[in-house]
Amino acid sequence: MRYYKKERFTRARIMLKFVVRQQADGVSGVKISRKGKFCVVCPGGDLSMIEDSSRLSEQLATLFESGDRTICIDLMESPVINSSVIGTLLRFHEKAVAEGGEFVVLNARNVALESMLRTRMNQVIRFVRSEEEL
């Protein structure tokens, strides 16, 4: 019985080290892919915490520094977003347009879509329902 508890504790420590290493390496659940001229960013999970906004902001800033100006945010896995994330999206939309690029929101749904429609964000940023519309 003691051996089992010790083994389980060791596995938990190994997994914790793996998660911490992933976060230190910048792997935080954000997936980036290419679709035509667009760089598609999928933040993954709810974007309802302040940390989520800063994480997304860092990722987008890195893309801009690397020269990407046509960015698509895929919210398929993010049914909930908060106001700080909306502010981040608007800030990077302005930056992309000012530098001759394009900023698009893809697959907004549920509470995320409702939040963005209430702020009339759809009058500023282009929303698309599928990758074929890009």
Foldseek 3Di string as FASTA:
>chain_A
DVVVVVVVVVVVVVVVVVVVVCVVVLNDQWDWDDDVLEIEIELAEEADDPVSLVSVLVVLVVCVVVPRLAYEYECQRHQHHDPSNVVSLVVSQVVSVVVPYAYEYECHDHHRVVVCVVVVVCVPHPYDHDSVVD
